[in-house]
Amino acid sequence: MLVRYWMTDKPMTLGRNENVVAAAEVMRAQHIRQFPVVEKDGTVVGILSDRDIRDAMPSKYLPGGMAAEQGHGLADLKVDSIMTEDPLCVSPETAMDTVADLLAKHKVGALPVTDAAGKLVGIITEVDVFRFLVSATGLARGGAQFAFRLEAKPGPLASLLEDLRAQNVHFSSVLTSHDLQQAGYRHAYIRVEHMGDHSLGSLVAYLSGEHDLIYYILDGQVTCLDD
């Protein structure tokens, strides 16, 4: 899935010469954690986060020990004094898993989304990544999720899915990951919407007999089978 399906279009922005105190008030009132900072033509020049503002109030940039003594300097503080300049940006065609990787590697909460000319078209945040994850896992559609251990080679996943179809089991999502404990294996996570003619108990019994079923999750409760 691509950023353009999950980003916030036309986000609120700041100019580099705007007042930090005013920006902090807007953040508080609108529950916003990041502002792209743009020039008049829409070119992205920075990003300002709530963390930047917390760091700047009051001791990092202002002399003295009492907030009352620092009020005048704080009121004069401009966005470009504390923003992150030339922030990492992504395009609307960037994959969402790439965004998740960038947010984790760079320890940031959001990335401006720009067009080929560097003009702002949106913002993608960690909350958007969480929304994407909920959609990709099929959680929003309900049902049980089953986790299997498979050999990391062509064939086992296709055989597992074909077996589920043969049981008239309908699934809404399939995700895989490497098994970090056992080399040569991977995990498959399958969200089941309809169990065919099975009850939960009979489906678990069947799958655990035919495949390496590790655990299943239903209504947030995890039941492990490989202990």
C-alpha atoms as a PDB file:
ATOM      1  CA  MET A   1       0.000   0.000   0.000  1.00  0.00           C
ATOM      2  CA  LEU A   2       1.162   3.507  -0.789  1.00  0.00           C
ATOM      3  CA  VAL A   3       1.488   6.663   1.272  1.00  0.00           C
ATOM      4  CA  ARG A   4      -1.081   8.540  -0.822  1.00  0.00           C
ATOM      5  CA  TYR A   5      -3.852   6.295   0.523  1.00  0.00           C
ATOM      6  CA  TRP A   6      -2.982   6.938   4.188  1.00  0.00           C
ATOM      7  CA  MET A   7      -1.440  10.403   4.457  1.00  0.00           C
ATOM      8  CA  THR A   8      -3.199  13.545   5.669  1.00  0.00           C
ATOM      9  CA  ASP A   9      -3.774  15.832   2.689  1.00  0.00           C
ATOM     10  CA  LYS A  10      -3.145  19.562   3.031  1.00  0.00           C
ATOM     11  CA  PRO A  11      -1.909  19.482   6.648  1.00  0.00           C
ATOM     12  CA  MET A  12      -1.562  22.581   8.786  1.00  0.00           C
ATOM     13  CA  THR A  13       1.827  24.213   8.250  1.00  0.00           C
ATOM     14  CA  LEU A  14       4.075  26.887   9.700  1.00  0.00           C
ATOM     15  CA  GLY A  15       6.348  29.501   8.180  1.00  0.00           C
ATOM     16  CA  ARG A  16       9.912  29.674   9.413  1.00  0.00           C
ATOM     17  CA  ASN A  17       9.376  33.118  11.025  1.00  0.00           C
ATOM     18  CA  GLU A  18       6.257  32.257  12.984  1.00  0.00           C
ATOM     19  CA  ASN A  19       6.225  32.399  16.772  1.00  0.00           C
ATOM     20  CA  VAL A  20       6.944  29.222  18.714  1.00  0.00           C
ATOM     21  CA  VAL A  21       4.527  30.054  21.557  1.00  0.00           C
ATOM     22  CA  ALA A  22       1.674  30.480  19.077  1.00  0.00           C
ATOM     23  CA  ALA A  23       2.621  27.206  17.383  1.00  0.00           C
ATOM     24  CA  ALA A  24       2.601  25.434  20.758  1.00  0.00           C
ATOM     25  CA  GLU A  25      -0.903  26.722  21.482  1.00  0.00           C
ATOM     26  CA  VAL A  26      -2.186  25.452  18.130  1.00  0.00           C
ATOM     27  CA  MET A  27      -0.567  22.064  18.766  1.00  0.00           C
ATOM     28  CA  ARG A  28      -2.295  21.856  22.136  1.00  0.00           C
ATOM     29  CA  ALA A  29      -5.694  22.974  20.860  1.00  0.00           C
ATOM     30  CA  GLN A  30      -5.687  20.844  17.696  1.00  0.00           C
ATOM     31  CA  HIS A  31      -3.906  17.791  19.185  1.00  0.00           C
ATOM     32  CA  ILE A  32      -1.175  18.023  16.558  1.00  0.00           C
ATOM     33  CA  ARG A  33       2.304  16.705  17.235  1.00  0.00           C
ATOM     34  CA  GLN A  34       4.187  17.854  14.109  1.00  0.00           C
ATOM     35  CA  PHE A  35       4.055  20.829  11.767  1.00  0.00           C
ATOM     36  CA  PRO A  36       5.755  20.872   8.356  1.00  0.00           C
ATOM     37  CA  VAL A  37       7.549  24.194   7.917  1.00  0.00           C
ATOM     38  CA  VAL A  38       7.241  25.592   4.408  1.00  0.00           C
ATOM     39  CA  GLU A  39       8.234  28.574   2.329  1.00  0.00           C
ATOM     40  CA  LYS A  40       5.532  30.698   0.684  1.00  0.00           C
ATOM     41  CA  ASP A  41       5.715  28.562  -2.467  1.00  0.00           C
ATOM     42  CA  GLY A  42       5.048  25.367  -0.475  1.00  0.00           C
ATOM     43  CA  THR A  43       8.629  24.064  -0.475  1.00  0.00           C
ATOM     44  CA  VAL A  44       9.382  22.086   2.685  1.00  0.00           C
ATOM     45  CA  VAL A  45      12.284  23.544   4.676  1.00  0.00           C
ATOM     46  CA  GLY A  46      11.767  21.926   8.065  1.00  0.00           C
ATOM     47  CA  ILE A  47       9.517  20.145  10.516  1.00  0.00           C
ATOM     48  CA  LEU A  48       8.612  21.238  14.041  1.00  0.00           C
ATOM     49  CA  SER A  49       7.539  18.673  16.618  1.00  0.00           C
ATOM     50  CA  ASP A  50       6.091  18.941  20.095  1.00  0.00           C
ATOM     51  CA  ARG A  51       9.395  17.532  21.331  1.00  0.00           C
ATOM     52  CA  ASP A  52      11.254  20.469  19.776  1.00  0.00           C
ATOM     53  CA  ILE A  53       8.958  22.872  21.611  1.00  0.00           C
ATOM     54  CA  ARG A  54       9.303  21.055  24.930  1.00  0.00           C
ATOM     55  CA  ASP A  55      13.087  21.177  24.606  1.00  0.00           C
ATOM     56  CA  ALA A  56      12.964  24.916  23.901  1.00  0.00           C
ATOM     57  CA  MET A  57      10.793  25.821  26.891  1.00  0.00           C
ATOM     58  CA  PRO A  58      12.443  27.415  28.607  1.00  0.00           C
ATOM     59  CA  SER A  59      16.025  26.510  29.465  1.00  0.00           C
ATOM     60  CA  LYS A  60      17.598  25.208  26.258  1.00  0.00           C
ATOM     61  CA  TYR A  61      17.589  28.445  24.298  1.00  0.00           C
ATOM     62  CA  LEU A  62      16.897  31.072  26.933  1.00  0.00           C
ATOM     63  CA  PRO A  63      19.156  32.409  29.742  1.00  0.00           C
ATOM     64  CA  GLY A  64      18.159  32.602  33.379  1.00  0.00           C
ATOM     65  CA  GLY A  65      16.525  30.261  35.822  1.00  0.00           C
ATOM     66  CA  MET A  66      12.964  31.546  36.281  1.00  0.00           C
ATOM     67  CA  ALA A  67      10.182  31.262  33.687  1.00  0.00           C
ATOM     68  CA  ALA A  68       9.008  34.776  34.505  1.00  0.00           C
ATOM     69  CA  GLU A  69      12.429  36.148  33.682  1.00  0.00           C
ATOM     70  CA  GLN A  70      12.440  34.258  30.414  1.00  0.00           C
ATOM     71  CA  GLY A  71       9.027  35.323  29.132  1.00  0.00           C
ATOM     72  CA  HIS A  72      10.191  38.038  26.781  1.00  0.00           C
ATOM     73  CA  GLY A  73      12.795  35.853  25.077  1.00  0.00           C
ATOM     74  CA  LEU A  74      10.330  32.988  24.738  1.00  0.00           C
ATOM     75  CA  ALA A  75       7.781  35.231  23.086  1.00  0.00           C
ATOM     76  CA  ASP A  76      10.361  36.239  20.491  1.00  0.00           C
ATOM     77  CA  LEU A  77      11.469  32.687  19.665  1.00  0.00           C
ATOM     78  CA  LYS A  78      10.838  31.793  16.022  1.00  0.00           C
ATOM     79  CA  VAL A  79      10.118  28.429  14.439  1.00  0.00           C
ATOM     80  CA  ASP A  80      13.352  28.315  12.427  1.00  0.00           C
ATOM     81  CA  SER A  81      15.364  28.553  15.670  1.00  0.00           C
ATOM     82  CA  ILE A  82      14.269  25.118  16.853  1.00  0.00           C
ATOM     83  CA  MET A  83      12.854  23.217  13.851  1.00  0.00           C
ATOM     84  CA  THR A  84      14.608  20.287  12.200  1.00  0.00           C
ATOM     85  CA  GLU A  85      15.942  21.663   8.925  1.00  0.00           C
ATOM     86  CA  ASP A  86      15.810  19.768   5.625  1.00  0.00           C
ATOM     87  CA  PRO A  87      13.759  16.904   7.079  1.00  0.00           C
ATOM     88  CA  LEU A  88      13.546  13.473   5.556  1.00  0.00           C
ATOM     89  CA  CYS A  89      10.579  13.445   3.167  1.00  0.00           C
ATOM     90  CA  VAL A  90       8.738  10.763   1.216  1.00  0.00           C
ATOM     91  CA  SER A  91       6.613  10.829  -1.919  1.00  0.00           C
ATOM     92  CA  PRO A  92       2.952   9.819  -2.252  1.00  0.00           C
ATOM     93  CA  GLU A  93       4.158   6.672  -4.053  1.00  0.00           C
ATOM     94  CA  THR A  94       6.363   5.476  -1.180  1.00  0.00           C
ATOM     95  CA  ALA A  95       5.327   2.102   0.276  1.00  0.00           C
ATOM     96  CA  MET A  96       3.905   2.149   3.798  1.00  0.00           C
ATOM     97  CA  ASP A  97       6.312  -0.498   5.076  1.00  0.00           C
ATOM     98  CA  THR A  98       9.167   1.759   3.921  1.00  0.00           C
ATOM     99  CA  VAL A  99       7.633   4.606   5.942  1.00  0.00           C
ATOM    100  CA  ALA A 100       7.445   2.386   9.029  1.00  0.00           C
ATOM    101  CA  ASP A 101      11.111   1.455   8.584  1.00  0.00           C
ATOM    102  CA  LEU A 102      12.152   5.117   8.206  1.00  0.00           C
ATOM    103  CA  LEU A 103      10.188   6.243  11.267  1.00  0.00           C
ATOM    104  CA  ALA A 104      11.790   3.497  13.361  1.00  0.00           C
ATOM    105  CA  LYS A 105      15.335   4.013  12.082  1.00  0.00           C
ATOM    106  CA  HIS A 106      15.297   7.791  12.449  1.00  0.00           C
ATOM    107  CA  LYS A 107      13.182   7.834  15.630  1.00  0.00           C
ATOM    108  CA  VAL A 108      10.742  10.437  14.319  1.00  0.00           C
ATOM    109  CA  GLY A 109       6.976  10.637  14.534  1.00  0.00           C
ATOM    110  CA  ALA A 110       6.122  11.923  11.058  1.00  0.00           C
ATOM    111  CA  LEU A 111       7.459  12.578   7.566  1.00  0.00           C
ATOM    112  CA  PRO A 112       6.382  15.346   5.195  1.00  0.00           C
ATOM    113  CA  VAL A 113       5.070  14.071   1.862  1.00  0.00           C
ATOM    114  CA  THR A 114       6.322  16.050  -1.126  1.00  0.00           C
ATOM    115  CA  ASP A 115       5.949  16.029  -4.883  1.00  0.00           C
ATOM    116  CA  ALA A 116       8.836  15.874  -7.361  1.00  0.00           C
ATOM    117  CA  ALA A 117       9.445  19.620  -6.935  1.00  0.00           C
ATOM    118  CA  GLY A 118       9.752  19.374  -3.159  1.00  0.00           C
ATOM    119  CA  LYS A 119       6.353  20.993  -2.551  1.00  0.00           C
ATOM    120  CA  LEU A 120       4.288  19.750   0.383  1.00  0.00           C
ATOM    121  CA  VAL A 121       1.279  17.578  -0.494  1.00  0.00           C
ATOM    122  CA  GLY A 122       0.683  15.863   2.869  1.00  0.00           C
ATOM    123  CA  ILE A 123       2.122  14.362   6.017  1.00  0.00           C
ATOM    124  CA  ILE A 124       2.371  10.723   7.095  1.00  0.00           C
ATOM    125  CA  THR A 125       2.577   9.980  10.821  1.00  0.00           C
ATOM    126  CA  GLU A 126       3.161   7.017  13.091  1.00  0.00           C
ATOM    127  CA  VAL A 127      -0.584   6.991  13.782  1.00  0.00           C
ATOM    128  CA  ASP A 128      -1.188   6.548  10.046  1.00  0.00           C
ATOM    129  CA  VAL A 129       1.200   3.584  10.110  1.00  0.00           C
ATOM    130  CA  PHE A 130      -0.810   2.080  12.980  1.00  0.00           C
ATOM    131  CA  ARG A 131      -4.026   2.541  10.961  1.00  0.00           C
ATOM    132  CA  PHE A 132      -2.349   0.832   8.022  1.00  0.00           C
ATOM    133  CA  LEU A 133      -1.259  -2.060  10.245  1.00  0.00           C
ATOM    134  CA  VAL A 134      -4.788  -2.561  11.566  1.00  0.00           C
ATOM    135  CA  SER A 135      -6.070  -2.674   7.995  1.00  0.00           C
ATOM    136  CA  ALA A 136      -3.299  -4.945   6.691  1.00  0.00           C
ATOM    137  CA  THR A 137      -3.787  -7.504   9.465  1.00  0.00           C
ATOM    138  CA  GLY A 138      -7.549  -7.604   8.918  1.00  0.00           C
ATOM    139  CA  LEU A 139      -8.207  -6.746  12.571  1.00  0.00           C
ATOM    140  CA  ALA A 140     -10.923  -4.235  11.720  1.00  0.00           C
ATOM    141  CA  ARG A 141     -12.929  -6.978  10.011  1.00  0.00           C
ATOM    142  CA  GLY A 142     -12.828  -9.254  13.056  1.00  0.00           C
ATOM    143  CA  GLY A 143     -12.239 -12.984  13.226  1.00  0.00           C
ATOM    144  CA  ALA A 144      -9.469 -15.132  14.651  1.00  0.00           C
ATOM    145  CA  GLN A 145      -5.819 -14.921  13.656  1.00  0.00           C
ATOM    146  CA  PHE A 146      -3.780 -18.130  13.410  1.00  0.00           C
ATOM    147  CA  ALA A 147       0.024 -18.185  13.545  1.00  0.00           C
ATOM    148  CA  PHE A 148       1.943 -21.016  11.850  1.00  0.00           C
ATOM    149  CA  ARG A 149       5.594 -21.991  11.632  1.00  0.00           C
ATOM    150  CA  LEU A 150       6.623 -22.923   8.076  1.00  0.00           C
ATOM    151  CA  GLU A 151       9.828 -23.878   6.353  1.00  0.00           C
ATOM    152  CA  ALA A 152      11.286 -20.836   4.598  1.00  0.00           C
ATOM    153  CA  LYS A 153      11.074 -22.229   1.072  1.00  0.00           C
ATOM    154  CA  PRO A 154       8.578 -22.128  -1.799  1.00  0.00           C
ATOM    155  CA  GLY A 155       5.545 -24.331  -1.314  1.00  0.00           C
ATOM    156  CA  PRO A 156       4.543 -24.598   2.374  1.00  0.00           C
ATOM    157  CA  LEU A 157       2.517 -21.373   2.475  1.00  0.00           C
ATOM    158  CA  ALA A 158       0.694 -22.203  -0.742  1.00  0.00           C
ATOM    159  CA  SER A 159      -0.112 -25.680   0.606  1.00  0.00           C
ATOM    160  CA  LEU A 160      -1.415 -24.211   3.869  1.00  0.00           C
ATOM    161  CA  LEU A 161      -3.687 -21.758   2.084  1.00  0.00           C
ATOM    162  CA  GLU A 162      -4.962 -24.458  -0.262  1.00  0.00           C
ATOM    163  CA  ASP A 163      -5.764 -26.654   2.740  1.00  0.00           C
ATOM    164  CA  LEU A 164      -7.732 -23.801   4.336  1.00  0.00           C
ATOM    165  CA  ARG A 165      -9.702 -23.336   1.121  1.00  0.00           C
ATOM    166  CA  ALA A 166     -10.438 -27.059   1.029  1.00  0.00           C
ATOM    167  CA  GLN A 167     -11.915 -26.726   4.529  1.00  0.00           C
ATOM    168  CA  ASN A 168     -14.104 -23.855   3.237  1.00  0.00           C
ATOM    169  CA  VAL A 169     -12.253 -21.475   5.545  1.00  0.00           C
ATOM    170  CA  HIS A 170     -12.331 -17.850   4.358  1.00  0.00           C
ATOM    171  CA  PHE A 171      -9.388 -15.633   5.308  1.00  0.00           C
ATOM    172  CA  SER A 172      -9.041 -11.861   5.010  1.00  0.00           C
ATOM    173  CA  SER A 173      -5.283 -11.326   5.382  1.00  0.00           C
ATOM    174  CA  VAL A 174      -2.007 -13.225   5.175  1.00  0.00           C
ATOM    175  CA  LEU A 175       1.244 -11.853   6.610  1.00  0.00           C
ATOM    176  CA  THR A 176       4.636 -13.523   6.960  1.00  0.00           C
ATOM    177  CA  SER A 177       7.840 -12.847   8.884  1.00  0.00           C
ATOM    178  CA  HIS A 178      11.162 -14.581   9.493  1.00  0.00           C
ATOM    179  CA  ASP A 179      11.392 -16.817  12.545  1.00  0.00           C
ATOM    180  CA  LEU A 180      13.999 -15.064  14.699  1.00  0.00           C
ATOM    181  CA  GLN A 181      14.553 -18.157  16.846  1.00  0.00           C
ATOM    182  CA  GLN A 182      14.926 -20.853  14.203  1.00  0.00           C
ATOM    183  CA  ALA A 183      16.926 -20.320  11.025  1.00  0.00           C
ATOM    184  CA  GLY A 184      15.260 -21.706   7.917  1.00  0.00           C
ATOM    185  CA  TYR A 185      11.723 -21.060   9.145  1.00  0.00           C
ATOM    186  CA  ARG A 186       9.193 -18.255   8.883  1.00  0.00           C
ATOM    187  CA  HIS A 187       5.854 -17.461  10.490  1.00  0.00           C
ATOM    188  CA  ALA A 188       2.565 -17.014   8.657  1.00  0.00           C
ATOM    189  CA  TYR A 189      -0.256 -15.051  10.281  1.00  0.00           C
ATOM    190  CA  ILE A 190      -3.672 -15.710   8.760  1.00  0.00           C
ATOM    191  CA  ARG A 191      -6.825 -13.820   9.725  1.00  0.00           C
ATOM    192  CA  VAL A 192      -9.901 -16.052   9.363  1.00  0.00           C
ATOM    193  CA  GLU A 193     -13.303 -14.445   8.805  1.00  0.00           C
ATOM    194  CA  HIS A 194     -15.384 -17.601   8.328  1.00  0.00           C
ATOM    195  CA  MET A 195     -14.512 -21.074   9.629  1.00  0.00           C
ATOM    196  CA  GLY A 196     -16.592 -23.062   7.177  1.00  0.00           C
ATOM    197  CA  ASP A 197     -18.245 -26.063   8.822  1.00  0.00           C
ATOM    198  CA  HIS A 198     -15.812 -25.937  11.744  1.00  0.00           C
ATOM    199  CA  SER A 199     -16.235 -24.613  15.231  1.00  0.00           C
ATOM    200  CA  LEU A 200     -13.205 -22.834  16.652  1.00  0.00           C
ATOM    201  CA  GLY A 201     -12.278 -25.948  18.604  1.00  0.00           C
ATOM    202  CA  SER A 202     -12.541 -28.324  15.655  1.00  0.00           C
ATOM    203  CA  LEU A 203     -10.615 -25.953  13.371  1.00  0.00           C
ATOM    204  CA  VAL A 204      -7.805 -25.598  15.931  1.00  0.00           C
ATOM    205  CA  ALA A 205      -7.686 -29.371  16.331  1.00  0.00           C
ATOM    206  CA  TYR A 206      -7.529 -29.872  12.564  1.00  0.00           C
ATOM    207  CA  LEU A 207      -4.901 -27.213  11.921  1.00  0.00           C
ATOM    208  CA  SER A 208      -2.685 -28.272  14.809  1.00  0.00           C
ATOM    209  CA  GLY A 209      -2.816 -31.862  13.520  1.00  0.00           C
ATOM    210  CA  GLU A 210      -1.978 -30.974   9.917  1.00  0.00           C
ATOM    211  CA  HIS A 211       0.342 -27.997  10.391  1.00  0.00           C
ATOM    212  CA  ASP A 212       2.696 -26.410  12.900  1.00  0.00           C
ATOM    213  CA  LEU A 213       0.155 -24.103  14.564  1.00  0.00           C
ATOM    214  CA  ILE A 214       1.939 -21.926  17.123  1.00  0.00           C
ATOM    215  CA  TYR A 215      -0.972 -19.948  18.585  1.00  0.00           C
ATOM    216  CA  TYR A 216      -4.226 -18.259  17.731  1.00  0.00           C
ATOM    217  CA  ILE A 217      -5.772 -14.967  18.828  1.00  0.00           C
ATOM    218  CA  LEU A 218      -9.481 -14.323  19.287  1.00  0.00           C
ATOM    219  CA  ASP A 219     -10.934 -11.130  20.767  1.00  0.00           C
ATOM    220  CA  GLY A 220      -7.465 -10.111  21.914  1.00  0.00           C
ATOM    221  CA  GLN A 221      -6.862 -13.349  23.837  1.00  0.00           C
ATOM    222  CA  VAL A 222      -3.823 -15.444  22.864  1.00  0.00           C
ATOM    223  CA  THR A 223      -3.926 -19.233  23.118  1.00  0.00           C
ATOM    224  CA  CYS A 224      -0.512 -20.907  22.646  1.00  0.00           C
ATOM    225  CA  LEU A 225      -0.199 -24.442  21.303  1.00  0.00           C
ATOM    226  CA  ASP A 226       3.559 -25.014  21.012  1.00  0.00           C
ATOM    227  CA  ASP A 227       4.585 -24.755  24.695  1.00  0.00           C
END
